[in-house]
Amino acid sequence: MRTSKLATALFLSLFIPIANAEDMAFLLNSTPTERAASQTRFMKTKLNLSQDEVTKIQEINREYAEKIEPVLKGSGISFLKMRDIKAILEQKDDALRSVLTPGQFDVYTNAKDELKQTLQQDLEHRSPL
């Protein structure tokens, strides 16, 4: 019985990174600037940011989109790429905490799936470069 549970867990863990990589494929055809701009627009609206906050958030989004770029477009294994991207996004969250109020950060955290959907829609429906 224990072997069966372990085998099932191992089997599932092999496919979860692939699904995440496929979900994020739309990012490969975008630039860090496009991704940062989309994220900033979403956050400005969703979090009711002041102009000063928008400026700071825009810079954070740009900085971390650029940090993710070589990982995203690198030739590494999807699982390792997703792990590296997750670590960068955790650093980004720390940077955002320094700008956002606790309430804004909670809204942002709870809206990450919505942000991903908006980002995907923005990037898939943008004009070709």
Protein backbone atom coordinates (compact mmCIF):
# COMPACT_ATOMS: atom_id res chain seq x y z
CA MET A 1 0.00 0.00 0.00
CA ARG A 2 2.78 2.43 0.90
CA THR A 3 4.60 1.71 -2.36
CA SER A 4 1.42 2.43 -4.28
CA LYS A 5 1.01 5.86 -2.67
CA LEU A 6 4.65 6.68 -3.27
CA ALA A 7 4.43 5.58 -6.91
CA THR A 8 1.28 7.67 -7.42
CA ALA A 9 2.89 10.74 -5.84
CA LEU A 10 5.99 10.33 -7.99
CA PHE A 11 3.91 9.87 -11.13
CA LEU A 12 1.89 13.02 -10.44
CA SER A 13 4.97 15.07 -9.58
CA LEU A 14 6.40 14.28 -13.00
CA PHE A 15 3.42 15.78 -14.83
CA ILE A 16 2.68 18.87 -12.74
CA PRO A 17 5.76 20.82 -13.96
CA ILE A 18 4.91 19.95 -17.58
CA ALA A 19 1.38 21.29 -17.15
CA ASN A 20 2.73 24.49 -15.59
CA ALA A 21 5.25 24.90 -18.40
CA GLU A 22 2.51 24.49 -21.00
CA ASP A 23 0.32 26.98 -19.15
CA MET A 24 3.15 29.50 -19.31
CA ALA A 25 4.06 28.95 -22.98
CA PHE A 26 2.44 32.26 -23.97
CA LEU A 27 5.25 34.02 -22.10
CA LEU A 28 7.88 32.78 -24.55
CA ASN A 29 6.62 35.09 -27.28
CA SER A 30 6.65 38.23 -25.16
CA THR A 31 9.24 40.68 -23.93
CA PRO A 32 9.94 41.62 -20.32
CA THR A 33 8.63 45.12 -21.08
CA GLU A 34 5.30 43.74 -22.36
CA ARG A 35 4.90 41.46 -19.35
CA ALA A 36 5.75 44.23 -16.88
CA ALA A 37 3.36 46.69 -18.54
CA SER A 38 0.48 44.20 -18.44
CA GLN A 39 1.13 43.36 -14.79
CA THR A 40 1.33 47.03 -13.85
CA ARG A 41 -1.97 47.86 -15.61
CA PHE A 42 -3.69 45.01 -13.80
CA MET A 43 -2.26 45.97 -10.41
CA LYS A 44 -3.03 49.67 -10.88
CA THR A 45 -6.70 48.87 -11.40
CA LYS A 46 -7.06 45.97 -8.98
CA LEU A 47 -5.16 47.59 -6.10
CA ASN A 48 -6.24 51.19 -6.65
CA LEU A 49 -2.63 52.37 -6.70
CA SER A 50 -1.53 55.97 -6.31
CA GLN A 51 0.70 57.42 -9.03
CA ASP A 52 3.71 57.08 -6.73
CA GLU A 53 2.85 53.41 -6.12
CA VAL A 54 2.36 52.83 -9.85
CA THR A 55 5.85 54.18 -10.56
CA LYS A 56 7.42 51.91 -7.93
CA ILE A 57 5.38 48.85 -8.94
CA GLN A 58 6.22 49.45 -12.61
CA GLU A 59 9.93 49.40 -11.78
CA ILE A 60 9.60 46.22 -9.69
CA ASN A 61 7.59 44.47 -12.42
CA ARG A 62 10.17 45.46 -15.06
CA GLU A 63 13.13 44.41 -12.90
CA TYR A 64 11.72 40.97 -12.15
CA ALA A 65 10.44 40.39 -15.69
CA GLU A 66 14.02 40.96 -16.84
CA LYS A 67 15.37 38.58 -14.18
CA ILE A 68 12.96 35.88 -15.34
CA GLU A 69 13.76 36.35 -19.05
CA PRO A 70 16.96 34.24 -19.25
CA VAL A 71 15.37 31.47 -17.18
CA LEU A 72 12.17 31.50 -19.20
CA LYS A 73 13.91 31.38 -22.57
CA GLY A 74 16.82 29.21 -21.45
CA SER A 75 17.35 25.63 -22.51
CA GLY A 76 17.02 24.10 -19.07
CA ILE A 77 14.63 21.39 -17.93
CA SER A 78 11.08 22.68 -17.40
CA PHE A 79 10.95 21.52 -13.80
CA LEU A 80 14.15 23.40 -12.95
CA LYS A 81 13.03 26.47 -14.86
CA MET A 82 9.74 26.55 -12.94
CA ARG A 83 11.65 26.19 -9.66
CA ASP A 84 13.96 29.07 -10.57
CA ILE A 85 11.06 31.27 -11.69
CA LYS A 86 9.22 30.53 -8.45
CA ALA A 87 12.27 31.66 -6.46
CA ILE A 88 12.47 34.91 -8.45
CA LEU A 89 8.75 35.54 -7.96
CA GLU A 90 9.16 35.06 -4.20
CA GLN A 91 11.84 37.77 -4.27
CA LYS A 92 9.46 39.95 -6.26
CA ASP A 93 6.75 39.46 -3.63
CA ASP A 94 9.21 40.65 -0.98
CA ALA A 95 9.89 43.79 -3.05
CA LEU A 96 6.16 44.39 -3.54
CA ARG A 97 5.56 44.10 0.22
CA SER A 98 7.80 47.14 0.69
CA VAL A 99 5.54 49.25 -1.57
CA LEU A 100 2.03 47.90 -0.99
CA THR A 101 -0.03 48.19 2.15
CA PRO A 102 -0.84 44.89 3.88
CA GLY A 103 -4.39 45.12 2.49
CA GLN A 104 -3.17 45.73 -1.05
CA PHE A 105 -0.69 42.87 -0.78
CA ASP A 106 -3.47 40.52 0.38
CA VAL A 107 -5.62 41.53 -2.61
CA TYR A 108 -2.63 41.03 -4.91
CA THR A 109 -1.88 37.59 -3.43
CA ASN A 110 -5.49 36.49 -3.79
CA ALA A 111 -5.67 37.79 -7.36
CA LYS A 112 -2.58 36.03 -8.76
CA ASP A 113 -4.65 33.59 -10.83
CA GLU A 114 -6.66 36.50 -12.23
CA LEU A 115 -3.40 38.35 -12.95
CA LYS A 116 -2.06 35.31 -14.84
CA GLN A 117 -5.25 35.12 -16.93
CA THR A 118 -5.14 38.85 -17.69
CA LEU A 119 -1.46 38.65 -18.60
CA GLN A 120 -2.14 35.74 -20.93
CA GLN A 121 -5.04 37.57 -22.61
CA ASP A 122 -3.00 40.75 -22.99
CA LEU A 123 -0.03 38.96 -24.50
CA GLU A 124 -2.05 36.74 -26.83
CA HIS A 125 -4.09 39.65 -28.18
CA ARG A 126 -1.36 42.25 -28.58
CA SER A 127 -0.23 43.53 -31.93
CA PRO A 128 2.61 41.59 -33.52
CA LEU A 129 6.01 43.16 -33.00
